Amino acid sequence: MNCAMILKLKKLNFIIMKAKMKSIIAILVIFITLGCKENKNHQEVEMNTPEEIKKEKAKTADIADQGFIDGMTGKAWHNYLQLKMALVNSDASAANTAAGNLAESFGNDREEIKMLAQQIANSDDLEEQRSLFYQFSEKTETLFKDALNKGTIYKQYCPMAFNNQGAYWLSDVSEIRNPYFGDKMLKCGSITETISK
């Protein structure tokens, strides 16, 4: 082969390589473009208006709405709410657990209410748990009211509890969920006091 022929072959190889590279680059650009378009569909965000947000917030119970001046009372309040919900759900086993946690919330300086919580934890009888819960609610009402430094506590009352003697309980939401009757009379009761800070 002469020199001119070798140069022509090299030039032809270069042109073929250049064409292959252009094809590869074109294919990559197409895939990247298609991939970006697909990702745009996945990244869309739906925006709510302030009115929609307010409506949703009104429907949602905010468990962390209350704040207290000390950690012990905050922990006790959280456990109290768990116990109340266990009684609302007529779940004696869950009430045992929640009451046990509640008893652990208190130190030896609160022996009377600690013992009441422990009695609830030791009982398997739902009606006894409810009766003790009422006593516990009476004994701790002042504690929770005095320690509240943020949010709202609702004092609620059912006139039909305990053979129409009536009973109070505390709640983190205004909606009535009766711990003394559960689903038998879930919404029996009313708010008698609203404590806000």
Protein backbone atom coordinates (compact mmCIF):
# COMPACT_ATOMS: atom_id res chain seq x y z
CA MET A 1 0.00 0.00 0.00
CA ASN A 2 1.20 3.40 -0.80
CA CYS A 3 1.15 6.41 1.48
CA ALA A 4 -1.84 8.07 -0.17
CA MET A 5 -3.93 4.94 0.27
CA ILE A 6 -3.03 4.66 3.97
CA LEU A 7 -3.98 8.30 4.51
CA LYS A 8 -7.34 7.76 2.79
CA LEU A 9 -8.05 4.68 5.01
CA LYS A 10 -7.13 6.61 8.16
CA LYS A 11 -9.37 9.48 7.08
CA LEU A 12 -12.21 7.03 6.32
CA ASN A 13 -11.77 5.35 9.77
CA PHE A 14 -11.84 8.79 11.40
CA ILE A 15 -15.06 9.72 9.59
CA ILE A 16 -16.68 6.39 10.61
CA MET A 17 -15.58 6.84 14.25
CA LYS A 18 -16.88 10.41 14.22
CA ALA A 19 -20.26 9.24 12.85
CA LYS A 20 -20.49 6.49 15.51
CA MET A 21 -19.71 9.02 18.25
CA LYS A 22 -22.38 11.39 16.96
CA SER A 23 -24.91 8.53 16.95
CA ILE A 24 -23.99 7.52 20.49
CA ILE A 25 -24.22 11.12 21.71
CA ALA A 26 -27.59 11.59 19.99
CA ILE A 27 -28.95 8.42 21.63
CA LEU A 28 -27.69 9.55 25.07
CA VAL A 29 -29.30 12.97 24.65
CA ILE A 30 -32.63 11.33 23.76
CA PHE A 31 -32.51 9.05 26.84
CA ILE A 32 -31.55 11.91 29.16
CA THR A 33 -34.31 14.11 27.76
CA LEU A 34 -36.91 11.38 28.17
CA GLY A 35 -35.67 10.60 31.68
CA CYS A 36 -35.94 14.24 32.73
CA LYS A 37 -39.46 14.51 31.37
CA GLU A 38 -40.51 11.42 33.36
CA ASN A 39 -38.93 12.79 36.54
CA LYS A 40 -40.81 16.07 36.14
CA ASN A 41 -44.05 14.14 36.52
CA HIS A 42 -42.81 12.58 39.76
CA GLN A 43 -41.65 15.88 41.26
CA GLU A 44 -44.88 17.82 40.99
CA VAL A 45 -46.11 19.19 44.30
CA GLU A 46 -49.71 20.02 45.07
CA MET A 47 -50.11 23.30 46.94
CA ASN A 48 -52.98 23.84 49.37
CA THR A 49 -54.54 27.21 50.00
CA PRO A 50 -54.42 28.63 53.54
CA GLU A 51 -58.17 27.99 53.84
CA GLU A 52 -57.68 24.29 52.99
CA ILE A 53 -54.89 24.02 55.56
CA LYS A 54 -57.09 25.59 58.27
CA LYS A 55 -59.92 23.16 57.46
CA GLU A 56 -57.59 20.15 57.70
CA LYS A 57 -56.07 21.41 60.95
CA ALA A 58 -59.55 21.80 62.46
CA LYS A 59 -60.25 18.13 61.66
CA THR A 60 -56.98 16.91 63.19
CA ALA A 61 -56.48 16.38 66.91
CA ASP A 62 -53.06 17.70 67.93
CA ILE A 63 -51.80 15.49 70.74
CA ALA A 64 -48.75 17.69 71.31
CA ASP A 65 -50.83 20.86 71.73
CA GLN A 66 -50.22 21.09 75.47
CA GLY A 67 -46.97 22.09 77.14
CA PHE A 68 -46.13 21.90 80.83
CA ILE A 69 -43.66 23.63 83.12
CA ASP A 70 -41.83 20.38 83.88
CA GLY A 71 -41.06 17.10 82.12
CA MET A 72 -42.68 14.91 84.80
CA THR A 73 -46.08 16.52 84.29
CA GLY A 74 -45.73 16.41 80.50
CA LYS A 75 -44.93 12.69 80.64
CA ALA A 76 -47.79 12.07 83.06
CA TRP A 77 -50.21 13.97 80.77
CA HIS A 78 -49.15 11.89 77.78
CA ASN A 79 -49.68 8.66 79.75
CA TYR A 80 -53.00 9.95 81.13
CA LEU A 81 -54.24 10.49 77.56
CA GLN A 82 -53.15 6.97 76.59
CA LEU A 83 -55.04 5.54 79.56
CA LYS A 84 -58.14 7.59 78.70
CA MET A 85 -58.07 6.29 75.09
CA ALA A 86 -57.63 2.70 76.27
CA LEU A 87 -60.78 3.12 78.38
CA VAL A 88 -62.61 4.81 75.48
CA ASN A 89 -61.72 1.74 73.40
CA SER A 90 -62.82 -0.57 76.27
CA ASP A 91 -59.38 -2.22 76.18
CA ALA A 92 -58.49 -3.37 79.70
CA SER A 93 -55.10 -4.72 78.62
CA ALA A 94 -54.06 -1.42 77.00
CA ALA A 95 -55.34 0.36 80.12
CA ASN A 96 -53.02 -1.85 82.24
CA THR A 97 -50.02 -0.84 80.16
CA ALA A 98 -50.89 2.87 80.04
CA ALA A 99 -51.60 2.98 83.79
CA GLY A 100 -48.29 1.23 84.51
CA ASN A 101 -46.49 3.89 82.46
CA LEU A 102 -48.52 6.56 84.24
CA ALA A 103 -47.50 5.22 87.67
CA GLU A 104 -43.84 5.39 86.58
CA SER A 105 -44.32 9.07 85.66
CA PHE A 106 -44.63 10.06 89.31
CA GLY A 107 -41.99 10.19 92.00
CA ASN A 108 -42.40 9.26 95.65
CA ASP A 109 -43.61 12.79 96.46
CA ARG A 110 -46.89 11.96 94.65
CA GLU A 111 -47.49 8.64 96.38
CA GLU A 112 -51.32 8.81 96.44
CA ILE A 113 -51.78 9.37 92.71
CA LYS A 114 -48.96 6.97 91.92
CA MET A 115 -50.79 4.25 93.90
CA LEU A 116 -54.08 4.97 92.08
CA ALA A 117 -52.34 4.57 88.73
CA GLN A 118 -50.74 1.34 89.95
CA GLN A 119 -54.15 0.00 91.08
CA ILE A 120 -55.48 0.62 87.55
CA ALA A 121 -52.44 -1.18 86.14
CA ASN A 122 -53.04 -4.16 88.46
CA SER A 123 -56.75 -4.50 87.64
CA ASP A 124 -58.13 -6.59 84.78
CA ASP A 125 -61.70 -5.42 85.39
CA LEU A 126 -62.67 -2.64 82.99
CA GLU A 127 -65.34 -1.16 85.29
CA GLU A 128 -62.91 -1.04 88.21
CA GLN A 129 -60.33 0.62 85.96
CA ARG A 130 -62.91 3.24 84.96
CA SER A 131 -63.84 3.92 88.59
CA LEU A 132 -60.18 4.31 89.56
CA PHE A 133 -59.59 6.52 86.50
CA TYR A 134 -62.32 8.86 87.74
CA GLN A 135 -60.62 9.07 91.16
CA PHE A 136 -57.27 9.60 89.47
CA SER A 137 -58.73 12.39 87.30
CA GLU A 138 -60.08 14.18 90.38
CA LYS A 139 -56.72 13.95 92.17
CA THR A 140 -54.62 15.14 89.21
CA GLU A 141 -56.86 17.89 87.78
CA THR A 142 -55.15 20.65 89.81
CA LEU A 143 -51.70 19.25 88.99
CA PHE A 144 -52.31 19.41 85.23
CA LYS A 145 -54.06 22.81 85.39
CA ASP A 146 -51.32 24.43 87.48
CA ALA A 147 -48.46 23.02 85.39
CA LEU A 148 -49.98 23.89 81.99
CA ASN A 149 -47.96 26.62 80.26
CA LYS A 150 -49.06 26.17 76.62
CA GLY A 151 -52.21 24.94 74.90
CA THR A 152 -55.65 23.93 76.11
CA ILE A 153 -57.06 21.26 78.41
CA TYR A 154 -60.76 20.46 78.32
CA LYS A 155 -62.56 19.33 81.47
CA GLN A 156 -65.40 17.07 80.33
CA TYR A 157 -68.35 15.57 82.18
CA CYS A 158 -70.72 12.66 81.69
CA PRO A 159 -73.86 12.94 83.84
CA MET A 160 -74.78 9.27 83.33
CA ALA A 161 -71.50 7.72 84.53
CA PHE A 162 -71.62 5.47 87.60
CA ASN A 163 -75.40 5.05 87.78
CA ASN A 164 -76.15 8.71 87.02
CA GLN A 165 -73.80 10.05 89.70
CA GLY A 166 -71.71 11.64 86.94
CA ALA A 167 -67.98 11.78 86.40
CA TYR A 168 -65.35 14.16 85.04
CA TRP A 169 -62.23 13.55 82.97
CA LEU A 170 -59.65 15.72 81.22
CA SER A 171 -59.00 15.79 77.48
CA ASP A 172 -56.58 17.30 74.99
CA VAL A 173 -59.35 17.86 72.40
CA SER A 174 -62.83 19.35 72.59
CA GLU A 175 -64.42 16.33 70.94
CA ILE A 176 -66.18 14.08 73.47
CA ARG A 177 -64.80 10.54 73.73
CA ASN A 178 -66.31 9.07 76.88
CA PRO A 179 -63.89 6.83 78.85
CA TYR A 180 -66.66 5.62 81.19
CA PHE A 181 -68.88 4.04 78.52
CA GLY A 182 -66.63 3.58 75.48
CA ASP A 183 -68.53 2.81 72.29
CA LYS A 184 -71.79 2.20 74.21
CA MET A 185 -72.16 5.97 74.71
CA LEU A 186 -69.05 7.36 73.05
CA LYS A 187 -70.25 10.95 72.70
CA CYS A 188 -72.14 11.23 75.98
CA GLY A 189 -70.83 14.26 77.81
CA SER A 190 -70.00 17.93 77.54
CA ILE A 191 -67.20 20.38 78.19
CA THR A 192 -67.58 22.05 81.57
CA GLU A 193 -64.32 24.01 81.60
CA THR A 194 -61.69 25.08 79.10
CA ILE A 195 -58.23 25.75 80.55
CA SER A 196 -55.97 27.67 78.16
CA LYS A 197 -52.49 29.20 78.45
